[in-house]
Amino acid sequence: MRKKVVARPKSEDKKQALLEAATAAFAQSGIAASTSAIARSAGVAEGTLFRYFATKDELLNELYLAIKLRLVRTMIAGLDPDEKRPK
């Protein structure tokens, strides 16, 4: 009888650390930034990075979405609710 393997739950803190490390790495080295350098900067093993993001492209896409969401939230927070808008 085979034992069922249960994966540890993913930590939101680790995911955030990976995204922050990826931001810095891509800003410095562009798309050539290595996943091993990103993982090292986040304080995790490279294999851990791939538990959160299956590929480097997936990491880059997730980073793009996170930055886009932050930008939209900042823009919305800066809106004046009393300002008249064109209809």
PDB file of N, CA and C in Angstrom:
ATOM      1  N   MET A   1       0.838  -1.172   0.000  1.00  0.00           N
ATOM      2  CA  MET A   1       0.000   0.000   0.000  1.00  0.00           C
ATOM      3  C   MET A   1       0.891   1.246   0.000  1.00  0.00           C
ATOM      4  N   ARG A   2       0.572   2.192  -0.864  1.00  0.00           N
ATOM      5  CA  ARG A   2       1.371   3.415  -0.979  1.00  0.00           C
ATOM      6  C   ARG A   2       0.867   4.469  -0.013  1.00  0.00           C
ATOM      7  N   LYS A   3       1.801   5.184   0.566  1.00  0.00           N
ATOM      8  CA  LYS A   3       1.436   6.280   1.455  1.00  0.00           C
ATOM      9  C   LYS A   3       1.135   7.520   0.622  1.00  0.00           C
ATOM     10  N   LYS A   4       0.149   8.244   1.061  1.00  0.00           N
ATOM     11  CA  LYS A   4      -0.201   9.487   0.387  1.00  0.00           C
ATOM     12  C   LYS A   4       0.789  10.572   0.825  1.00  0.00           C
ATOM     13  N   VAL A   5       1.389  11.237  -0.147  1.00  0.00           N
ATOM     14  CA  VAL A   5       2.338  12.305   0.144  1.00  0.00           C
ATOM     15  C   VAL A   5       1.571  13.621   0.182  1.00  0.00           C
ATOM     16  N   VAL A   6       1.715  14.325   1.285  1.00  0.00           N
ATOM     17  CA  VAL A   6       1.030  15.601   1.437  1.00  0.00           C
ATOM     18  C   VAL A   6       2.068  16.720   1.362  1.00  0.00           C
ATOM     19  N   ALA A   7       1.886  17.597   0.404  1.00  0.00           N
ATOM     20  CA  ALA A   7       2.819  18.721   0.256  1.00  0.00           C
ATOM     21  C   ALA A   7       2.539  19.769   1.322  1.00  0.00           C
ATOM     22  N   ARG A   8       3.602  20.409   1.769  1.00  0.00           N
ATOM     23  CA  ARG A   8       3.430  21.493   2.731  1.00  0.00           C
ATOM     24  C   ARG A   8       2.693  22.644   2.065  1.00  0.00           C
ATOM     25  N   PRO A   9       1.858  23.331   2.834  1.00  0.00           N
ATOM     26  CA  PRO A   9       1.163  24.486   2.246  1.00  0.00           C
ATOM     27  C   PRO A   9       2.162  25.585   1.878  1.00  0.00           C
ATOM     28  N   LYS A  10       1.839  26.303   0.838  1.00  0.00           N
ATOM     29  CA  LYS A  10       2.711  27.385   0.390  1.00  0.00           C
ATOM     30  C   LYS A  10       2.523  28.597   1.298  1.00  0.00           C
ATOM     31  N   SER A  11       3.613  29.252   1.596  1.00  0.00           N
ATOM     32  CA  SER A  11       3.609  30.425   2.460  1.00  0.00           C
ATOM     33  C   SER A  11       3.466  31.693   1.625  1.00  0.00           C
ATOM     34  N   GLU A  12       2.517  32.538   1.990  1.00  0.00           N
ATOM     35  CA  GLU A  12       2.340  33.807   1.288  1.00  0.00           C
ATOM     36  C   GLU A  12       3.564  34.709   1.498  1.00  0.00           C
ATOM     37  N   ASP A  13       4.210  34.584   2.666  1.00  0.00           N
ATOM     38  CA  ASP A  13       5.420  35.369   2.939  1.00  0.00           C
ATOM     39  C   ASP A  13       6.552  34.984   1.987  1.00  0.00           C
ATOM     40  N   LYS A  14       6.711  33.682   1.742  1.00  0.00           N
ATOM     41  CA  LYS A  14       7.764  33.233   0.815  1.00  0.00           C
ATOM     42  C   LYS A  14       7.462  33.705  -0.602  1.00  0.00           C
ATOM     43  N   LYS A  15       6.200  33.610  -0.989  1.00  0.00           N
ATOM     44  CA  LYS A  15       5.821  34.051  -2.328  1.00  0.00           C
ATOM     45  C   LYS A  15       6.123  35.538  -2.490  1.00  0.00           C
ATOM     46  N   GLN A  16       5.790  36.324  -1.477  1.00  0.00           N
ATOM     47  CA  GLN A  16       6.055  37.762  -1.530  1.00  0.00           C
ATOM     48  C   GLN A  16       7.557  38.040  -1.584  1.00  0.00           C
ATOM     49  N   ALA A  17       8.328  37.294  -0.800  1.00  0.00           N
ATOM     50  CA  ALA A  17       9.789  37.458  -0.809  1.00  0.00           C
ATOM     51  C   ALA A  17      10.351  37.134  -2.192  1.00  0.00           C
ATOM     52  N   LEU A  18       9.820  36.106  -2.831  1.00  0.00           N
ATOM     53  CA  LEU A  18      10.265  35.743  -4.179  1.00  0.00           C
ATOM     54  C   LEU A  18       9.921  36.840  -5.184  1.00  0.00           C
ATOM     55  N   LEU A  19       8.724  37.405  -5.076  1.00  0.00           N
ATOM     56  CA  LEU A  19       8.324  38.477  -5.990  1.00  0.00           C
ATOM     57  C   LEU A  19       9.189  39.724  -5.787  1.00  0.00           C
ATOM     58  N   GLU A  20       9.496  40.048  -4.539  1.00  0.00           N
ATOM     59  CA  GLU A  20      10.354  41.208  -4.266  1.00  0.00           C
ATOM     60  C   GLU A  20      11.775  40.972  -4.786  1.00  0.00           C
ATOM     61  N   ALA A  21      12.286  39.771  -4.580  1.00  0.00           N
ATOM     62  CA  ALA A  21      13.623  39.439  -5.083  1.00  0.00           C
ATOM     63  C   ALA A  21      13.636  39.462  -6.610  1.00  0.00           C
ATOM     64  N   ALA A  22      12.568  38.978  -7.223  1.00  0.00           N
ATOM     65  CA  ALA A  22      12.475  38.984  -8.688  1.00  0.00           C
ATOM     66  C   ALA A  22      12.421  40.410  -9.217  1.00  0.00           C
ATOM     67  N   THR A  23      11.702  41.288  -8.531  1.00  0.00           N
ATOM     68  CA  THR A  23      11.634  42.691  -8.945  1.00  0.00           C
ATOM     69  C   THR A  23      13.033  43.291  -8.997  1.00  0.00           C
ATOM     70  N   ALA A  24      13.798  43.086  -7.935  1.00  0.00           N
ATOM     71  CA  ALA A  24      15.160  43.628  -7.875  1.00  0.00           C
ATOM     72  C   ALA A  24      16.058  42.991  -8.934  1.00  0.00           C
ATOM     73  N   ALA A  25      15.955  41.682  -9.092  1.00  0.00           N
ATOM     74  CA  ALA A  25      16.813  40.976 -10.052  1.00  0.00           C
ATOM     75  C   ALA A  25      16.507  41.383 -11.490  1.00  0.00           C
ATOM     76  N   PHE A  26      15.225  41.471 -11.837  1.00  0.00           N
ATOM     77  CA  PHE A  26      14.859  41.860 -13.200  1.00  0.00           C
ATOM     78  C   PHE A  26      15.205  43.326 -13.453  1.00  0.00           C
ATOM     79  N   ALA A  27      15.096  44.171 -12.433  1.00  0.00           N
ATOM     80  CA  ALA A  27      15.465  45.583 -12.588  1.00  0.00           C
ATOM     81  C   ALA A  27      16.964  45.713 -12.854  1.00  0.00           C
ATOM     82  N   GLN A  28      17.753  44.870 -12.212  1.00  0.00           N
ATOM     83  CA  GLN A  28      19.210  44.942 -12.358  1.00  0.00           C
ATOM     84  C   GLN A  28      19.708  44.236 -13.617  1.00  0.00           C
ATOM     85  N   SER A  29      19.186  43.041 -13.886  1.00  0.00           N
ATOM     86  CA  SER A  29      19.745  42.211 -14.963  1.00  0.00           C
ATOM     87  C   SER A  29      18.809  41.995 -16.138  1.00  0.00           C
ATOM     88  N   GLY A  30      17.606  42.520 -16.057  1.00  0.00           N
ATOM     89  CA  GLY A  30      16.632  42.282 -17.112  1.00  0.00           C
ATOM     90  C   GLY A  30      16.179  40.831 -17.101  1.00  0.00           C
ATOM     91  N   ILE A  31      15.691  40.375 -18.223  1.00  0.00           N
ATOM     92  CA  ILE A  31      15.158  39.019 -18.340  1.00  0.00           C
ATOM     93  C   ILE A  31      16.237  37.965 -18.118  1.00  0.00           C
ATOM     94  N   ALA A  32      17.505  38.366 -18.204  1.00  0.00           N
ATOM     95  CA  ALA A  32      18.611  37.427 -18.004  1.00  0.00           C
ATOM     96  C   ALA A  32      18.811  37.059 -16.536  1.00  0.00           C
ATOM     97  N   ALA A  33      18.095  37.710 -15.631  1.00  0.00           N
ATOM     98  CA  ALA A  33      18.229  37.389 -14.202  1.00  0.00           C
ATOM     99  C   ALA A  33      17.976  35.896 -14.003  1.00  0.00           C
ATOM    100  N   SER A  34      18.827  35.264 -13.220  1.00  0.00           N
ATOM    101  CA  SER A  34      18.697  33.815 -13.038  1.00  0.00           C
ATOM    102  C   SER A  34      17.755  33.482 -11.887  1.00  0.00           C
ATOM    103  N   THR A  35      17.076  32.363 -12.036  1.00  0.00           N
ATOM    104  CA  THR A  35      16.176  31.922 -10.970  1.00  0.00           C
ATOM    105  C   THR A  35      16.960  31.558  -9.716  1.00  0.00           C
ATOM    106  N   SER A  36      18.180  31.088  -9.881  1.00  0.00           N
ATOM    107  CA  SER A  36      18.985  30.753  -8.700  1.00  0.00           C
ATOM    108  C   SER A  36      19.337  32.016  -7.915  1.00  0.00           C
ATOM    109  N   ALA A  37      19.650  33.105  -8.613  1.00  0.00           N
ATOM    110  CA  ALA A  37      19.949  34.371  -7.935  1.00  0.00           C
ATOM    111  C   ALA A  37      18.703  34.928  -7.254  1.00  0.00           C
ATOM    112  N   ILE A  38      17.560  34.799  -7.904  1.00  0.00           N
ATOM    113  CA  ILE A  38      16.301  35.275  -7.315  1.00  0.00           C
ATOM    114  C   ILE A  38      16.003  34.493  -6.043  1.00  0.00           C
ATOM    115  N   ALA A  39      16.121  33.179  -6.121  1.00  0.00           N
ATOM    116  CA  ALA A  39      15.859  32.331  -4.950  1.00  0.00           C
ATOM    117  C   ALA A  39      16.825  32.662  -3.820  1.00  0.00           C
ATOM    118  N   ARG A  40      18.093  32.786  -4.138  1.00  0.00           N
ATOM    119  CA  ARG A  40      19.111  33.093  -3.127  1.00  0.00           C
ATOM    120  C   ARG A  40      18.797  34.421  -2.441  1.00  0.00           C
ATOM    121  N   SER A  41      18.418  35.420  -3.222  1.00  0.00           N
ATOM    122  CA  SER A  41      18.086  36.737  -2.680  1.00  0.00           C
ATOM    123  C   SER A  41      16.850  36.676  -1.778  1.00  0.00           C
ATOM    124  N   ALA A  42      15.926  35.770  -2.096  1.00  0.00           N
ATOM    125  CA  ALA A  42      14.713  35.603  -1.285  1.00  0.00           C
ATOM    126  C   ALA A  42      14.958  34.725  -0.068  1.00  0.00           C
ATOM    127  N   GLY A  43      16.138  34.107  -0.002  1.00  0.00           N
ATOM    128  CA  GLY A  43      16.472  33.257   1.141  1.00  0.00           C
ATOM    129  C   GLY A  43      15.870  31.866   1.077  1.00  0.00           C
ATOM    130  N   VAL A  44      15.633  31.388  -0.155  1.00  0.00           N
ATOM    131  CA  VAL A  44      15.077  30.042  -0.330  1.00  0.00           C
ATOM    132  C   VAL A  44      15.906  29.284  -1.364  1.00  0.00           C
ATOM    133  N   ALA A  45      15.696  27.989  -1.435  1.00  0.00           N
ATOM    134  CA  ALA A  45      16.356  27.165  -2.450  1.00  0.00           C
ATOM    135  C   ALA A  45      15.671  27.381  -3.801  1.00  0.00           C
ATOM    136  N   GLU A  46      16.408  27.151  -4.876  1.00  0.00           N
ATOM    137  CA  GLU A  46      15.833  27.322  -6.210  1.00  0.00           C
ATOM    138  C   GLU A  46      14.630  26.401  -6.421  1.00  0.00           C
ATOM    139  N   GLY A  47      14.685  25.202  -5.855  1.00  0.00           N
ATOM    140  CA  GLY A  47      13.548  24.285  -5.960  1.00  0.00           C
ATOM    141  C   GLY A  47      12.289  24.857  -5.332  1.00  0.00           C
ATOM    142  N   THR A  48      12.470  25.620  -4.263  1.00  0.00           N
ATOM    143  CA  THR A  48      11.324  26.263  -3.610  1.00  0.00           C
ATOM    144  C   THR A  48      10.692  27.283  -4.545  1.00  0.00           C
ATOM    145  N   LEU A  49      11.520  28.034  -5.262  1.00  0.00           N
ATOM    146  CA  LEU A  49      10.988  28.997  -6.232  1.00  0.00           C
ATOM    147  C   LEU A  49      10.063  28.281  -7.215  1.00  0.00           C
ATOM    148  N   PHE A  50      10.496  27.094  -7.673  1.00  0.00           N
ATOM    149  CA  PHE A  50       9.698  26.364  -8.660  1.00  0.00           C
ATOM    150  C   PHE A  50       8.475  25.671  -8.057  1.00  0.00           C
ATOM    151  N   ARG A  51       8.377  25.597  -6.742  1.00  0.00           N
ATOM    152  CA  ARG A  51       7.128  25.142  -6.107  1.00  0.00           C
ATOM    153  C   ARG A  51       6.065  26.232  -6.224  1.00  0.00           C
ATOM    154  N   TYR A  52       6.504  27.483  -6.222  1.00  0.00           N
ATOM    155  CA  TYR A  52       5.582  28.618  -6.293  1.00  0.00           C
ATOM    156  C   TYR A  52       5.295  29.036  -7.727  1.00  0.00           C
ATOM    157  N   PHE A  53       6.286  28.916  -8.577  1.00  0.00           N
ATOM    158  CA  PHE A  53       6.171  29.333  -9.980  1.00  0.00           C
ATOM    159  C   PHE A  53       6.789  28.229 -10.837  1.00  0.00           C
ATOM    160  N   ALA A  54       5.979  27.597 -11.662  1.00  0.00           N
ATOM    161  CA  ALA A  54       6.437  26.435 -12.431  1.00  0.00           C
ATOM    162  C   ALA A  54       7.572  26.778 -13.397  1.00  0.00           C
ATOM    163  N   THR A  55       7.563  28.000 -13.915  1.00  0.00           N
ATOM    164  CA  THR A  55       8.585  28.422 -14.870  1.00  0.00           C
ATOM    165  C   THR A  55       8.992  29.867 -14.579  1.00  0.00           C
ATOM    166  N   LYS A  56      10.081  30.276 -15.184  1.00  0.00           N
ATOM    167  CA  LYS A  56      10.519  31.667 -15.054  1.00  0.00           C
ATOM    168  C   LYS A  56       9.478  32.596 -15.685  1.00  0.00           C
ATOM    169  N   ASP A  57       8.867  32.165 -16.790  1.00  0.00           N
ATOM    170  CA  ASP A  57       7.812  32.959 -17.427  1.00  0.00           C
ATOM    171  C   ASP A  57       6.625  33.151 -16.491  1.00  0.00           C
ATOM    172  N   GLU A  58       6.268  32.100 -15.768  1.00  0.00           N
ATOM    173  CA  GLU A  58       5.155  32.206 -14.821  1.00  0.00           C
ATOM    174  C   GLU A  58       5.493  33.211 -13.717  1.00  0.00           C
ATOM    175  N   LEU A  59       6.721  33.179 -13.242  1.00  0.00           N
ATOM    176  CA  LEU A  59       7.176  34.144 -12.236  1.00  0.00           C
ATOM    177  C   LEU A  59       7.086  35.559 -12.793  1.00  0.00           C
ATOM    178  N   LEU A  60       7.559  35.758 -14.003  1.00  0.00           N
ATOM    179  CA  LEU A  60       7.529  37.075 -14.628  1.00  0.00           C
ATOM    180  C   LEU A  60       6.093  37.565 -14.820  1.00  0.00           C
ATOM    181  N   ASN A  61       5.198  36.682 -15.249  1.00  0.00           N
ATOM    182  CA  ASN A  61       3.792  37.054 -15.420  1.00  0.00           C
ATOM    183  C   ASN A  61       3.143  37.416 -14.093  1.00  0.00           C
ATOM    184  N   GLU A  62       3.421  36.640 -13.062  1.00  0.00           N
ATOM    185  CA  GLU A  62       2.877  36.922 -11.728  1.00  0.00           C
ATOM    186  C   GLU A  62       3.397  38.263 -11.217  1.00  0.00           C
ATOM    187  N   LEU A  63       4.656  38.533 -11.468  1.00  0.00           N
ATOM    188  CA  LEU A  63       5.257  39.804 -11.068  1.00  0.00           C
ATOM    189  C   LEU A  63       4.588  40.959 -11.807  1.00  0.00           C
ATOM    190  N   TYR A  64       4.366  40.797 -13.094  1.00  0.00           N
ATOM    191  CA  TYR A  64       3.684  41.816 -13.898  1.00  0.00           C
ATOM    192  C   TYR A  64       2.303  42.108 -13.323  1.00  0.00           C
ATOM    193  N   LEU A  65       1.549  41.060 -13.003  1.00  0.00           N
ATOM    194  CA  LEU A  65       0.204  41.253 -12.457  1.00  0.00           C
ATOM    195  C   LEU A  65       0.243  41.940 -11.096  1.00  0.00           C
ATOM    196  N   ALA A  66       1.209  41.584 -10.257  1.00  0.00           N
ATOM    197  CA  ALA A  66       1.331  42.200  -8.928  1.00  0.00           C
ATOM    198  C   ALA A  66       1.652  43.687  -9.053  1.00  0.00           C
ATOM    199  N   ILE A  67       2.550  44.037  -9.969  1.00  0.00           N
ATOM    200  CA  ILE A  67       2.909  45.443 -10.172  1.00  0.00           C
ATOM    201  C   ILE A  67       1.721  46.210 -10.742  1.00  0.00           C
ATOM    202  N   LYS A  68       1.020  45.604 -11.681  1.00  0.00           N
ATOM    203  CA  LYS A  68      -0.149  46.239 -12.286  1.00  0.00           C
ATOM    204  C   LYS A  68      -1.236  46.478 -11.234  1.00  0.00           C
ATOM    205  N   LEU A  69      -1.476  45.506 -10.373  1.00  0.00           N
ATOM    206  CA  LEU A  69      -2.473  45.645  -9.315  1.00  0.00           C
ATOM    207  C   LEU A  69      -2.088  46.767  -8.353  1.00  0.00           C
ATOM    208  N   ARG A  70      -0.811  46.818  -7.976  1.00  0.00           N
ATOM    209  CA  ARG A  70      -0.330  47.877  -7.081  1.00  0.00           C
ATOM    210  C   ARG A  70      -0.535  49.254  -7.720  1.00  0.00           C
ATOM    211  N   LEU A  71      -0.253  49.371  -9.009  1.00  0.00           N
ATOM    212  CA  LEU A  71      -0.428  50.627  -9.725  1.00  0.00           C
ATOM    213  C   LEU A  71      -1.898  51.048  -9.738  1.00  0.00           C
ATOM    214  N   VAL A  72      -2.789  50.119 -10.046  1.00  0.00           N
ATOM    215  CA  VAL A  72      -4.220  50.426 -10.090  1.00  0.00           C
ATOM    216  C   VAL A  72      -4.719  50.849  -8.710  1.00  0.00           C
ATOM    217  N   ARG A  73      -4.306  50.135  -7.667  1.00  0.00           N
ATOM    218  CA  ARG A  73      -4.727  50.501  -6.308  1.00  0.00           C
ATOM    219  C   ARG A  73      -4.240  51.899  -5.940  1.00  0.00           C
ATOM    220  N   THR A  74      -3.017  52.228  -6.322  1.00  0.00           N
ATOM    221  CA  THR A  74      -2.469  53.557  -6.043  1.00  0.00           C
ATOM    222  C   THR A  74      -3.253  54.627  -6.792  1.00  0.00           C
ATOM    223  N   MET A  75      -3.586  54.344  -8.037  1.00  0.00           N
ATOM    224  CA  MET A  75      -4.360  55.302  -8.827  1.00  0.00           C
ATOM    225  C   MET A  75      -5.743  55.515  -8.219  1.00  0.00           C
ATOM    226  N   ILE A  76      -6.401  54.444  -7.828  1.00  0.00           N
ATOM    227  CA  ILE A  76      -7.740  54.544  -7.247  1.00  0.00           C
ATOM    228  C   ILE A  76      -7.696  55.295  -5.926  1.00  0.00           C
ATOM    229  N   ALA A  77      -6.677  55.031  -5.122  1.00  0.00           N
ATOM    230  CA  ALA A  77      -6.551  55.706  -3.831  1.00  0.00           C
ATOM    231  C   ALA A  77      -6.362  57.209  -4.009  1.00  0.00           C
ATOM    232  N   GLY A  78      -5.789  57.619  -5.127  1.00  0.00           N
ATOM    233  CA  GLY A  78      -5.542  59.034  -5.376  1.00  0.00           C
ATOM    234  C   GLY A  78      -6.714  59.775  -5.992  1.00  0.00           C
ATOM    235  N   LEU A  79      -7.786  59.067  -6.311  1.00  0.00           N
ATOM    236  CA  LEU A  79      -8.949  59.715  -6.911  1.00  0.00           C
ATOM    237  C   LEU A  79      -9.713  60.517  -5.868  1.00  0.00           C
ATOM    238  N   ASP A  80     -10.220  61.655  -6.286  1.00  0.00           N
ATOM    239  CA  ASP A  80     -11.069  62.472  -5.421  1.00  0.00           C
ATOM    240  C   ASP A  80     -12.512  62.041  -5.669  1.00  0.00           C
ATOM    241  N   PRO A  81     -13.184  61.487  -4.647  1.00  0.00           N
ATOM    242  CA  PRO A  81     -14.552  60.998  -4.863  1.00  0.00           C
ATOM    243  C   PRO A  81     -15.536  62.114  -5.195  1.00  0.00           C
ATOM    244  N   ASP A  82     -15.204  63.357  -4.869  1.00  0.00           N
ATOM    245  CA  ASP A  82     -16.108  64.478  -5.137  1.00  0.00           C
ATOM    246  C   ASP A  82     -15.865  65.118  -6.504  1.00  0.00           C
ATOM    247  N   GLU A  83     -14.789  64.712  -7.166  1.00  0.00           N
ATOM    248  CA  GLU A  83     -14.467  65.287  -8.473  1.00  0.00           C
ATOM    249  C   GLU A  83     -15.464  64.804  -9.513  1.00  0.00           C
ATOM    250  N   LYS A  84     -15.939  65.737 -10.337  1.00  0.00           N
ATOM    251  CA  LYS A  84     -16.888  65.371 -11.392  1.00  0.00           C
ATOM    252  C   LYS A  84     -16.136  64.674 -12.517  1.00  0.00           C
ATOM    253  N   ARG A  85     -16.721  63.634 -13.023  1.00  0.00           N
ATOM    254  CA  ARG A  85     -16.122  62.852 -14.098  1.00  0.00           C
ATOM    255  C   ARG A  85     -16.964  63.018 -15.373  1.00  0.00           C
ATOM    256  N   PRO A  86     -16.327  62.965 -16.514  1.00  0.00           N
ATOM    257  CA  PRO A  86     -17.106  63.014 -17.762  1.00  0.00           C
ATOM    258  C   PRO A  86     -18.009  61.792 -17.870  1.00  0.00           C
ATOM    259  N   LYS A  87     -19.156  62.002 -18.440  1.00  0.00           N
ATOM    260  CA  LYS A  87     -20.115  60.888 -18.571  1.00  0.00           C
ATOM    261  C   LYS A  87     -20.003  60.226 -19.900  1.00  0.00           C
TER     262      LYS A  87
END
